[in-house]
Protein backbone atom coordinates (compact mmCIF):
# COMPACT_ATOMS: atom_id res chain seq x y z
CA MET A 1 -21.95 13.00 -12.52
CA ALA A 2 -18.16 12.51 -12.75
CA HIS A 3 -17.03 9.31 -14.51
CA THR A 4 -13.31 9.84 -14.09
CA VAL A 5 -11.06 11.05 -11.29
CA PHE A 6 -10.19 14.11 -13.34
CA GLU A 7 -13.83 15.01 -13.91
CA ALA A 8 -14.46 14.65 -10.17
CA PHE A 9 -11.53 16.96 -9.55
CA ARG A 10 -12.76 19.55 -11.96
CA GLU A 11 -16.14 19.59 -10.26
CA GLY A 12 -14.43 20.08 -6.87
CA ALA A 13 -12.27 22.88 -8.22
CA ALA A 14 -15.43 24.68 -9.55
CA MET A 15 -17.23 24.32 -6.17
CA TRP A 16 -14.29 25.02 -3.81
CA PRO A 17 -11.59 26.85 -5.76
CA GLU A 18 -10.12 28.53 -2.63
CA ASN A 19 -10.15 25.44 -0.46
CA VAL A 20 -6.70 23.92 0.32
CA LEU A 21 -6.39 20.51 -1.35
CA PHE A 22 -2.69 19.75 -0.38
CA CYS A 23 -0.69 20.73 2.62
CA VAL A 24 3.02 19.98 3.38
CA PRO A 25 4.35 20.63 6.84
CA VAL A 26 7.33 22.98 7.23
CA GLY A 27 10.83 21.68 7.19
CA ARG A 28 10.80 19.64 3.95
CA ASP A 29 13.79 20.11 1.59
CA PHE A 30 11.41 20.95 -1.25
CA ALA A 31 9.23 23.20 0.98
CA PRO A 32 11.24 24.65 3.87
CA GLU A 33 8.45 27.03 4.89
CA GLY A 34 5.69 24.53 4.29
CA LEU A 35 3.30 24.43 1.38
CA GLU A 36 -0.44 24.73 0.78
CA LEU A 37 -2.11 24.39 -2.67
CA THR A 38 -5.75 25.33 -3.26
CA PHE A 39 -8.03 23.44 -5.66
CA ALA A 40 -7.58 26.42 -8.11
CA GLN A 41 -3.83 26.38 -7.96
CA VAL A 42 -3.75 22.65 -8.41
CA ALA A 43 -6.12 22.95 -11.41
CA ARG A 44 -3.79 25.39 -13.12
CA LYS A 45 -0.82 23.02 -12.61
CA VAL A 46 -2.81 20.10 -13.81
CA ASP A 47 -4.03 21.87 -17.02
CA ALA A 48 -0.42 22.88 -17.87
CA LEU A 49 0.90 19.40 -17.42
CA ALA A 50 -1.99 17.82 -19.32
CA GLU A 51 -1.22 20.12 -22.24
CA ALA A 52 2.40 19.08 -22.20
CA TYR A 53 1.53 15.35 -22.19
CA ARG A 54 -1.02 15.87 -24.94
CA ASP A 55 1.26 17.90 -27.13
CA ALA A 56 3.83 15.04 -26.99
CA GLY A 57 1.21 12.52 -28.08
CA TYR A 58 0.21 10.85 -24.80
CA GLY A 59 -3.39 9.66 -24.33
CA SER A 60 -5.66 6.65 -23.84
CA GLY A 61 -3.74 3.36 -23.88
CA HIS A 62 -0.50 4.80 -22.46
CA ARG A 63 0.98 4.14 -19.05
CA ILE A 64 3.36 6.44 -17.31
CA ALA A 65 5.61 5.38 -14.39
CA LEU A 66 5.72 7.93 -11.48
CA LEU A 67 8.50 8.02 -8.92
CA LEU A 68 7.59 11.18 -7.07
CA ASP A 69 7.56 10.20 -3.37
CA ASN A 70 4.79 11.42 -1.05
CA ARG A 71 4.57 14.92 -2.59
CA PRO A 72 1.68 16.87 -4.17
CA GLU A 73 3.48 16.40 -7.56
CA HIS A 74 2.45 12.76 -7.58
CA PHE A 75 -1.21 13.64 -7.57
CA ILE A 76 -0.85 16.61 -9.86
CA HIS A 77 0.73 14.40 -12.50
CA PHE A 78 -1.82 11.64 -11.86
CA LEU A 79 -4.71 14.10 -12.51
CA ALA A 80 -3.07 15.49 -15.66
CA LEU A 81 -2.62 11.95 -16.94
CA ASN A 82 -6.12 10.89 -16.02
CA ALA A 83 -7.49 13.86 -17.98
CA LEU A 84 -6.06 12.36 -21.11
CA GLY A 85 -7.00 8.76 -20.36
CA CYS A 86 -3.45 7.74 -19.50
CA SER A 87 -2.81 5.27 -16.67
CA GLN A 88 -0.18 5.85 -13.92
CA THR A 89 2.04 3.28 -12.42
CA PRO A 90 3.50 4.53 -9.07
CA LEU A 91 6.88 3.15 -8.12
CA ASN A 92 8.28 2.54 -4.66
CA PRO A 93 11.47 4.70 -4.05
CA ASP A 94 12.80 2.12 -1.70
CA HIS A 95 12.91 -0.57 -4.43
CA ARG A 96 16.18 -1.56 -6.00
CA PRO A 97 16.77 -1.06 -9.70
CA ASP A 98 15.94 -4.77 -10.46
CA GLU A 99 12.51 -4.32 -8.86
CA MET A 100 11.80 -1.05 -10.57
CA ARG A 101 12.92 -2.61 -13.95
CA TYR A 102 10.44 -5.43 -13.58
CA GLN A 103 7.50 -3.06 -12.94
CA ILE A 104 8.52 -0.69 -15.78
CA GLU A 105 8.80 -3.53 -18.21
CA HIS A 106 5.72 -5.44 -17.00
CA SER A 107 3.50 -2.42 -17.05
CA LYS A 108 4.86 -1.40 -20.52
CA ALA A 109 5.28 2.13 -19.22
CA GLU A 110 6.11 4.64 -22.02
CA LEU A 111 7.86 7.10 -19.78
CA LEU A 112 9.29 7.51 -16.27
CA VAL A 113 8.71 10.77 -14.41
CA CYS A 114 10.77 11.09 -11.23
CA LEU A 115 12.47 13.36 -8.78
CA GLU A 116 16.03 14.32 -9.50
CA ARG A 117 17.17 12.45 -6.40
CA HIS A 118 15.88 9.19 -8.00
CA ALA A 119 17.34 9.85 -11.47
CA GLU A 120 20.41 7.76 -11.07
CA LYS A 121 18.49 4.77 -9.69
CA ALA A 122 15.89 5.12 -12.43
CA ALA A 123 18.68 5.17 -15.13
CA GLU A 124 20.15 1.99 -13.62
CA ALA A 125 16.74 0.40 -13.78
CA MET A 126 16.37 1.41 -17.41
CA ALA A 127 19.85 0.18 -18.36
CA GLY A 128 18.70 -3.46 -18.03
CA LEU A 129 15.71 -3.08 -20.33
CA GLU A 130 15.79 -4.40 -23.88
CA LEU A 131 14.22 -1.18 -25.01
CA ALA A 132 14.84 1.68 -22.48
CA ARG A 133 12.17 4.24 -21.82
CA PRO A 134 12.91 7.98 -21.47
CA ILE A 135 13.27 9.51 -18.02
CA VAL A 136 12.31 13.09 -17.20
CA THR A 137 12.63 14.80 -13.84
CA VAL A 138 10.17 17.39 -12.45
CA GLU A 139 13.09 19.67 -11.42
CA HIS A 140 14.36 19.73 -15.16
CA TRP A 141 11.08 19.50 -17.00
CA PRO A 142 11.87 19.66 -20.74
CA GLU A 143 10.20 22.18 -23.15
CA ARG A 144 8.76 19.18 -24.98
CA LEU A 145 8.41 15.68 -23.59
CA PRO A 146 9.80 12.61 -25.35
CA VAL A 147 7.13 11.16 -27.67
CA PRO A 148 5.67 7.76 -26.81
CA ARG A 149 6.64 4.66 -28.72
CA THR A 150 3.11 3.57 -29.42
CA THR A 151 0.10 5.62 -30.62
CA LYS A 152 -2.82 6.44 -28.34
CA THR A 153 -6.08 4.58 -28.89
CA GLY A 154 -8.28 7.71 -29.18
CA ILE A 155 -10.91 6.13 -26.83
CA GLN A 156 -12.51 8.74 -24.58
CA PRO A 157 -11.80 8.35 -20.86
CA SER A 158 -14.71 6.79 -19.00
CA ALA A 159 -15.64 5.12 -15.71
CA ILE A 160 -14.28 1.75 -16.90
CA SER A 161 -11.09 3.26 -18.29
CA GLU A 162 -7.89 2.14 -16.67
CA ALA A 163 -6.70 4.81 -14.20
CA GLY A 164 -3.71 3.04 -12.65
CA VAL A 165 -1.72 -0.10 -12.11
CA LEU A 166 -0.66 -0.66 -8.57
CA TYR A 167 1.68 -3.55 -7.76
CA THR A 168 0.93 -5.73 -4.74
CA SER A 169 2.93 -8.72 -3.42
CA GLY A 170 1.25 -12.06 -3.94
CA THR A 171 2.44 -15.51 -3.24
CA THR A 172 4.66 -15.66 -6.33
CA ALA A 173 8.15 -14.25 -6.65
CA ARG A 174 7.02 -11.20 -8.55
CA PRO A 175 4.36 -8.60 -7.56
CA LYS A 176 1.07 -8.65 -9.41
CA GLY A 177 -0.12 -5.59 -11.20
CA CYS A 178 -3.59 -4.66 -10.13
CA VAL A 179 -5.44 -2.80 -12.92
CA LEU A 180 -7.69 -0.15 -11.34
CA SER A 181 -10.37 1.73 -13.22
CA ASN A 182 -11.72 5.20 -12.57
CA GLU A 183 -14.83 3.62 -11.10
CA HIS A 184 -12.71 1.65 -8.64
CA LEU A 185 -10.75 4.61 -7.37
CA LEU A 186 -13.86 6.81 -7.02
CA CYS A 187 -15.64 4.04 -5.24
CA PHE A 188 -12.76 3.73 -2.82
CA GLY A 189 -13.03 7.37 -1.77
CA GLN A 190 -16.82 7.53 -1.87
CA TRP A 191 -16.97 4.48 0.43
CA TYR A 192 -15.33 6.55 3.19
CA ILE A 193 -17.66 9.42 2.67
CA ASP A 194 -20.75 7.26 2.71
CA TYR A 195 -20.06 6.24 6.38
CA SER A 196 -21.17 9.77 7.17
CA LYS A 197 -24.68 8.76 6.12
CA THR A 198 -24.83 6.55 9.17
CA LYS A 199 -25.28 8.92 12.11
CA GLU A 200 -23.83 6.25 14.52
CA SER A 201 -20.56 6.12 12.62
CA ILE A 202 -17.38 7.78 13.97
CA PHE A 203 -16.60 8.81 10.35
CA GLN A 204 -18.55 12.10 9.82
CA ILE A 205 -16.57 13.80 7.06
CA ARG A 206 -17.65 17.48 6.97
CA VAL A 207 -17.51 19.28 3.62
CA GLY A 208 -14.56 21.77 3.53
CA GLN A 209 -13.64 21.32 7.25
CA GLU A 210 -11.31 18.27 7.34
CA ARG A 211 -7.57 17.91 7.10
CA LEU A 212 -6.45 14.34 6.72
CA MET A 213 -2.82 13.64 7.55
CA ASN A 214 -1.52 10.41 6.03
CA PRO A 215 2.11 9.32 6.27
CA LEU A 216 1.59 6.16 4.16
CA PRO A 217 3.09 5.88 0.69
CA VAL A 218 1.24 6.94 -2.36
CA TYR A 219 2.19 3.75 -4.28
CA HIS A 220 -0.33 1.97 -1.95
CA VAL A 221 -3.99 2.38 -2.48
CA ALA A 222 -4.72 3.65 1.09
CA ALA A 223 -2.87 6.96 0.43
CA GLY A 224 -2.84 6.91 -3.32
CA ALA A 225 -6.62 6.62 -3.63
CA LEU A 226 -8.62 6.44 -0.36
CA SER A 227 -7.20 9.47 1.48
CA PHE A 228 -6.78 11.62 -1.73
CA ILE A 229 -10.08 10.80 -3.31
CA SER A 230 -12.18 11.19 -0.19
CA MET A 231 -10.65 14.62 0.54
CA MET A 232 -10.92 15.73 -3.11
CA LEU A 233 -14.65 14.78 -3.28
CA THR A 234 -15.50 16.79 -0.15
CA GLY A 235 -13.51 19.95 -0.67
CA ASN A 236 -11.09 18.97 2.02
CA CYS A 237 -7.29 18.89 2.45
CA LEU A 238 -4.79 16.07 2.31
CA VAL A 239 -1.87 16.69 4.59
CA MET A 240 1.36 14.95 3.22
CA PRO A 241 4.09 14.73 5.78
CA GLY A 242 6.16 12.22 3.86
CA ARG A 243 7.83 9.52 5.92
CA PHE A 244 6.47 9.02 9.40
CA SER A 245 8.50 10.65 12.17
CA PRO A 246 7.33 9.91 15.74
CA ARG A 247 9.44 12.80 17.00
CA LEU A 248 7.71 15.36 14.81
CA TRP A 249 4.30 13.79 14.60
CA TRP A 250 2.32 15.81 17.15
CA GLN A 251 3.96 19.11 16.42
CA GLU A 252 3.04 18.67 12.68
CA VAL A 253 -0.47 17.46 13.48
CA VAL A 254 -1.03 20.69 15.47
CA GLN A 255 0.78 22.92 12.94
CA THR A 256 -1.28 21.58 9.98
CA SER A 257 -4.61 21.62 11.98
CA SER A 258 -5.18 18.02 11.06
CA THR A 259 -8.57 16.65 12.07
CA ILE A 260 -8.07 13.04 10.78
CA VAL A 261 -4.96 10.86 10.92
CA HIS A 262 -4.25 7.56 9.15
CA TYR A 263 -1.87 4.98 10.52
CA ILE A 264 -0.50 1.41 10.39
CA GLY A 265 0.15 -0.72 13.40
CA LEU A 266 3.71 0.56 13.82
CA VAL A 267 2.62 4.22 14.29
CA PRO A 268 0.62 3.97 17.54
CA THR A 269 3.30 1.84 19.16
CA LEU A 270 6.03 4.31 18.33
CA LEU A 271 3.95 7.29 19.47
CA LEU A 272 3.26 5.64 22.82
CA GLY A 273 7.00 5.22 23.24
CA GLN A 274 7.67 8.95 22.97
CA ASP A 275 7.99 11.23 26.02
CA PRO A 276 4.76 13.27 26.63
CA ILE A 277 4.58 16.78 25.07
CA PRO A 278 1.80 19.41 25.21
CA GLU A 279 0.98 19.09 21.49
CA GLU A 280 -0.25 15.47 21.99
CA ARG A 281 -3.34 16.88 23.67
CA LEU A 282 -3.61 20.25 21.81
CA HIS A 283 -4.55 18.74 18.49
CA ARG A 284 -7.91 18.77 16.76
CA VAL A 285 -7.91 15.09 15.60
CA ARG A 286 -11.42 13.54 15.63
CA TRP A 287 -10.37 9.99 14.73
CA GLY A 288 -7.54 7.82 13.43
CA LEU A 289 -8.05 5.15 10.78
CA GLY A 290 -5.84 2.22 10.09
CA ALA A 291 -5.03 -1.46 10.52
CA GLY A 292 -2.81 -3.59 12.53
CA ILE A 293 -2.74 -1.73 15.90
CA GLU A 294 -1.45 -4.08 18.49
CA PRO A 295 -4.40 -5.14 20.83
CA GLU A 296 -2.35 -4.41 24.00
CA VAL A 297 -1.74 -0.79 23.09
CA HIS A 298 -5.14 0.16 21.54
CA ALA A 299 -6.82 1.31 24.71
CA ALA A 300 -3.69 2.93 26.08
CA PHE A 301 -3.29 4.95 22.85
CA GLU A 302 -6.88 6.29 22.91
CA LYS A 303 -6.66 7.14 26.60
CA ARG A 304 -3.40 9.02 26.32
CA PHE A 305 -4.01 10.94 23.02
CA GLY A 306 -7.77 11.47 23.32
CA PHE A 307 -9.34 10.10 20.12
CA PRO A 308 -10.52 6.78 18.70
CA ASN A 309 -8.28 4.72 16.40
CA VAL A 310 -10.70 2.80 14.22
CA GLU A 311 -9.43 -0.56 12.85
CA VAL A 312 -10.49 -1.38 9.25
CA TRP A 313 -9.94 -4.25 6.76
CA GLY A 314 -9.48 -3.74 3.01
CA MET A 315 -7.49 -4.66 -0.07
CA THR A 316 -6.14 -2.92 -3.21
CA GLU A 317 -8.44 -5.20 -5.35
CA ILE A 318 -11.76 -4.43 -3.66
CA ALA A 319 -12.43 -0.64 -3.38
CA ARG A 320 -14.57 -1.39 -0.31
CA TRP A 321 -13.65 -1.98 3.23
CA THR A 322 -15.04 -2.72 6.64
CA ALA A 323 -14.51 -0.71 9.85
CA ASP A 324 -15.29 -1.12 13.52
CA ASP A 325 -16.70 2.47 13.41
CA GLN A 326 -19.56 2.43 15.86
CA GLU A 327 -19.69 2.42 19.62
CA PRO A 328 -19.26 0.29 21.56
CA ARG A 329 -16.23 -0.70 19.52
CA ARG A 330 -14.32 -3.97 20.24
CA ILE A 331 -11.10 -2.26 21.28
CA GLY A 332 -8.03 -4.49 21.48
CA SER A 333 -9.65 -7.42 19.82
CA ARG A 334 -8.58 -7.08 16.17
CA ALA A 335 -12.26 -6.36 15.24
CA CYS A 336 -12.32 -4.78 11.79
CA GLY A 337 -16.02 -4.21 11.15
CA LYS A 338 -19.04 -5.69 9.47
CA PRO A 339 -19.95 -5.96 5.81
CA ILE A 340 -22.23 -3.05 4.83
CA ARG A 341 -24.00 -1.65 1.78
CA ASP A 342 -23.29 -3.85 -1.33
CA LEU A 343 -20.36 -5.79 0.18
CA GLU A 344 -21.13 -9.49 0.80
CA VAL A 345 -18.81 -11.76 2.70
CA ARG A 346 -18.25 -15.43 3.44
CA VAL A 347 -15.87 -17.21 5.75
CA VAL A 348 -14.84 -20.62 4.28
CA ASP A 349 -12.53 -23.65 4.72
CA GLU A 350 -10.00 -24.97 2.20
CA GLU A 351 -12.78 -26.37 0.06
CA ASP A 352 -14.72 -23.11 0.05
CA ASN A 353 -17.36 -24.52 2.36
CA ASP A 354 -18.80 -22.04 4.90
CA VAL A 355 -17.41 -22.50 8.36
CA PRO A 356 -19.48 -22.21 11.55
CA ILE A 357 -19.89 -18.87 13.23
CA GLY A 358 -16.92 -18.13 15.47
CA GLN A 359 -14.54 -20.43 13.45
CA SER A 360 -11.70 -18.97 11.48
CA GLY A 361 -11.41 -19.40 7.73
CA GLU A 362 -10.58 -17.51 4.51
CA LEU A 363 -12.57 -14.36 3.80
CA LEU A 364 -14.32 -14.25 0.49
CA VAL A 365 -16.03 -11.07 -0.83
CA LYS A 366 -18.07 -9.83 -3.76
CA ALA A 367 -20.49 -7.04 -4.69
CA SER A 368 -24.22 -7.84 -4.32
CA GLY A 369 -26.37 -7.95 -7.45
CA PRO A 370 -25.86 -9.50 -10.87
CA ASN A 371 -22.27 -8.33 -11.26
CA PRO A 372 -20.19 -9.53 -8.33
CA ARG A 373 -17.13 -7.74 -9.68
CA ARG A 374 -18.71 -4.27 -9.83
CA GLY A 375 -16.26 -1.67 -8.52
CA PHE A 376 -13.51 -4.24 -7.87
CA PHE A 377 -10.18 -4.25 -9.66
CA ASP A 378 -10.28 -4.94 -13.37
CA ARG A 379 -7.69 -7.76 -13.54
CA TYR A 380 -4.14 -8.73 -12.77
CA LEU A 381 -2.13 -7.40 -15.54
CA HIS A 382 -1.02 -9.98 -18.14
CA ASP A 383 -2.21 -12.73 -15.83
CA PRO A 384 -5.73 -13.89 -16.63
CA THR A 385 -5.12 -17.20 -14.81
CA ALA A 386 -4.35 -15.49 -11.48
CA THR A 387 -7.48 -13.24 -11.99
CA GLU A 388 -9.86 -16.14 -12.52
CA LEU A 389 -8.30 -18.17 -9.75
CA ALA A 390 -8.92 -15.30 -7.35
CA TRP A 391 -12.57 -15.11 -8.49
CA ARG A 392 -13.26 -18.90 -8.57
CA GLY A 393 -16.88 -19.64 -7.75
CA GLY A 394 -17.92 -16.05 -8.32
CA TRP A 395 -16.30 -14.83 -4.96
CA PHE A 396 -13.03 -12.95 -4.66
CA HIS A 397 -10.64 -14.92 -2.48
CA THR A 398 -8.72 -12.49 -0.26
CA GLY A 399 -6.18 -14.88 1.24
CA ASP A 400 -6.86 -13.37 4.64
CA HIS A 401 -8.06 -15.54 7.61
CA VAL A 402 -10.88 -14.04 9.79
CA ARG A 403 -13.52 -15.21 12.03
CA GLN A 404 -17.06 -13.79 12.12
CA GLU A 405 -19.41 -13.53 15.13
CA ALA A 406 -23.18 -13.95 15.06
CA ASP A 407 -23.70 -10.23 14.75
CA GLY A 408 -21.64 -10.07 11.60
CA MET A 409 -18.47 -8.56 13.19
CA LEU A 410 -15.27 -9.68 11.49
CA PHE A 411 -12.05 -10.29 13.49
CA PHE A 412 -8.77 -10.42 11.61
CA VAL A 413 -6.75 -13.62 12.38
CA ASP A 414 -3.91 -14.07 9.92
CA ARG A 415 -2.95 -14.21 6.22
CA LYS A 416 -3.42 -17.43 4.41
CA LYS A 417 -1.06 -16.21 1.64
CA ASN A 418 2.67 -16.78 1.77
CA ILE A 419 3.04 -13.09 2.81
CA ILE A 420 4.92 -11.22 5.44
CA ARG A 421 3.34 -7.90 6.60
CA ARG A 422 6.08 -5.54 7.79
CA SER A 423 5.35 -1.92 8.71
CA GLY A 424 2.50 -1.77 6.20
CA GLU A 425 4.31 -3.44 3.32
CA ASN A 426 3.25 -6.80 1.94
CA ILE A 427 6.38 -8.93 1.24
CA ALA A 428 6.16 -12.15 -0.86
CA ALA A 429 8.31 -14.75 0.89
CA ALA A 430 8.92 -16.43 -2.53
CA GLU A 431 10.64 -13.33 -3.91
CA ILE A 432 13.17 -13.40 -1.03
CA GLU A 433 13.58 -17.21 -1.40
CA ASN A 434 14.51 -16.87 -5.02
CA VAL A 435 17.29 -14.42 -4.17
CA LEU A 436 18.60 -16.63 -1.42
CA LEU A 437 18.59 -19.62 -3.71
CA SER A 438 20.63 -17.72 -6.26
CA ASP A 439 23.68 -18.09 -3.99
CA PRO A 440 25.58 -21.28 -4.91
CA ALA A 441 26.06 -22.03 -1.20
CA VAL A 442 22.30 -22.44 -0.65
CA ALA A 443 20.54 -25.73 -1.25
CA TYR A 444 17.12 -24.86 0.26
CA ALA A 445 15.56 -21.73 1.69
CA ALA A 446 12.29 -20.98 3.36
CA VAL A 447 11.24 -17.49 4.42
CA ILE A 448 8.61 -17.01 7.05
CA ALA A 449 7.12 -14.26 9.19
CA VAL A 450 7.95 -13.78 12.83
CA PRO A 451 6.20 -11.41 15.26
CA ASP A 452 7.84 -8.03 15.83
CA ARG A 453 6.67 -5.58 18.51
CA LEU A 454 7.17 -2.47 16.36
CA ARG A 455 6.80 -3.69 12.77
CA GLN A 456 4.02 -6.31 13.33
CA GLU A 457 6.12 -8.94 11.49
CA GLU A 458 9.78 -9.42 10.40
CA VAL A 459 11.43 -11.53 7.75
CA PHE A 460 13.05 -14.77 8.99
CA ALA A 461 15.21 -16.86 6.54
CA CYS A 462 15.69 -20.60 7.19
CA VAL A 463 18.61 -21.81 5.07
CA VAL A 464 20.06 -25.28 4.35
CA PRO A 465 23.63 -24.87 3.13
CA ARG A 466 24.52 -26.91 0.05
CA HIS A 467 27.62 -28.55 1.60
CA GLY A 468 26.16 -29.54 4.94
CA PRO A 469 25.43 -27.82 8.19
CA ASN A 470 28.31 -25.35 8.06
CA GLY A 471 26.45 -22.11 8.27
CA HIS A 472 28.50 -19.37 9.87
CA ALA A 473 28.47 -15.63 10.40
CA ALA A 474 30.19 -14.79 7.06
CA LEU A 475 27.62 -16.71 4.99
CA ALA A 476 24.72 -15.27 6.93
CA GLU A 477 25.93 -11.73 6.26
CA ARG A 478 26.62 -12.50 2.62
CA LEU A 479 23.01 -13.69 2.15
CA PHE A 480 21.69 -10.65 4.00
CA ARG A 481 23.80 -8.30 1.76
CA LEU A 482 22.67 -10.18 -1.35
CA CYS A 483 19.02 -9.52 -0.45
CA LEU A 484 19.81 -5.92 0.45
CA ASP A 485 21.50 -5.47 -3.01
CA LYS A 486 18.61 -7.11 -4.98
CA LEU A 487 15.55 -6.03 -2.95
CA ALA A 488 14.10 -3.14 -1.14
CA TYR A 489 15.68 -2.88 2.26
CA TYR A 490 12.58 -3.88 4.20
CA LYS A 491 12.52 -7.30 2.35
CA ALA A 492 15.99 -8.38 3.47
CA PRO A 493 15.89 -11.02 6.23
CA ALA A 494 16.07 -9.62 9.74
CA TYR A 495 17.05 -13.05 10.86
CA VAL A 496 19.03 -15.91 9.31
CA ALA A 497 19.27 -19.40 10.72
CA PHE A 498 20.92 -22.44 9.33
CA PHE A 499 19.53 -26.03 9.32
CA GLU A 500 20.75 -29.46 8.41
CA SER A 501 17.40 -30.02 6.61
CA LEU A 502 13.94 -28.65 6.32
CA PRO A 503 10.58 -30.66 6.44
CA MET A 504 9.52 -31.36 2.85
CA THR A 505 6.47 -32.70 1.04
CA ALA A 506 6.62 -35.66 -1.33
CA THR A 507 6.98 -33.05 -4.16
CA GLN A 508 9.97 -31.48 -2.45
CA LYS A 509 8.20 -28.32 -1.31
CA VAL A 510 9.15 -26.96 2.18
CA GLN A 511 6.42 -27.41 4.80
CA LYS A 512 6.93 -24.12 6.51
CA GLN A 513 4.35 -24.80 9.27
CA ARG A 514 6.44 -27.70 10.42
CA ILE A 515 9.78 -26.00 10.74
CA PHE A 516 9.25 -24.76 14.22
CA LEU A 517 5.97 -26.40 15.30
CA ASP A 518 5.62 -25.16 18.87
CA LYS A 519 9.05 -23.69 19.14
CA ASP A 520 9.80 -19.98 19.10
CA PRO A 521 11.90 -19.23 15.95
CA LEU A 522 13.61 -16.40 17.75
CA GLU A 523 15.06 -18.87 20.35
CA THR A 524 16.86 -20.86 17.57
CA SER A 525 20.46 -21.55 18.39
CA GLY A 526 23.00 -19.91 16.14
CA LEU A 527 20.49 -17.25 15.01
CA TYR A 528 22.00 -14.28 13.14
CA ASN A 529 20.22 -10.93 13.75
CA PHE A 530 20.44 -8.12 11.08
CA ILE A 531 17.57 -5.88 12.28
CA ALA A 532 19.98 -2.97 12.98
CA LEU A 533 21.25 -3.10 9.39
CA LYS A 534 17.88 -2.86 7.71
CA LYS A 535 17.73 0.74 6.66
CA PRO A 536 16.51 2.58 3.55
CA ASN A 537 19.10 2.22 0.81
CA ARG A 538 18.76 5.60 -0.67
């Protein structure tokens, strides 16, 4: 039995050497004619890279930052590092140098491996570090890698070994690093496969017959673990289209013979907005899997495109998830499944008391049995206080609000955390507030989420100017540009509104829930709209 991701890959390569593991559609700058790599081809690349890392002295106890976009190289480097017991820290290419710098420093990464297109930004991120790390690009791979600053531990890789650190936005200004073990990542993929053991489930993953197309980023666990691991464990293919393109989607689904597609809420809405083309009904897709589809478009999507979109709920920390995967599904209701197998759930109030059936509350989860943390994330890196707070009372506190019906079905309601969910990205409001407050003209700032038809939610900044209610267009744009300079483009406020004051607690904390009460924030007078300027800054 495989105990590490690399061991599981080697078993797969031995069983299905000629099966395609990675597919890239035609038209990419790095693969104009498209690309397919078999398990055997990937194995040879992984072995060569592992030897290069090993010869330079990398091994257990080392972390390597990867900035390789949604390309097969990301997983090839991940497997090579995993073979040696190294941990990978994937970076978001949309992040600004300050954001990258934090994650490189916080993770104590020994080396940054990136694409040439990101080398300049990577160098800018390194420039601010007290002790810069070396940068290598895959296009100009050196004959010998720079040696690590620290020595490897010599501990053999195992199920409990650290396999990766993924950063996820919390309620604080800085993202938290989730330390994920080999057991965690393998559990994530196996969870998907095990749905096939229930004959009523829509998820029936066939060995060596599936092609899963996922446009989501590899620095998130859904694409970086769930899709990849589940396909790797079953001799199947991961189709990597890169950034989602509604114009090309159906042509590439057909061209790559995809049988499964993954999505976020934005994807179905944008696809429904496209003019009909023949390919949208010539595909082989058996199901879609994702979260956040707008209830009013769910049924219309399935009717037009001819396959079920199954809504799920999950988190980076958990390695388990729920899915509304059996007929009759609760289409258009935000139903996201029932707890199954060893996943136990509770729905509680602010004091962690169970709420009545049908009433909303925070979702708590754990693994059944003597070890409630089995298969969950290991810890928040360098933050034992946050780890134990999340696990208080022996249950992991998700920060998500749900309601549960008598039959066990969960329905997503909202996030308890101070988080904005935009196009699949979790954004910490506090991170944006800190940037706004760095401007000397700002006395108070509160960032909230507002509904958005395409992106699920958008960023709305409420600002009290330091010298009275003299907010104007120039200041609004200056604040937007400040955020755009310091943060990834999607975190910048789509809307800026100025106020004389904001409702405060006795301890001078902004009471966000009272800013608008029953008013629509988007009807605020003097509102400045910057949606059209929110574009990738690369």
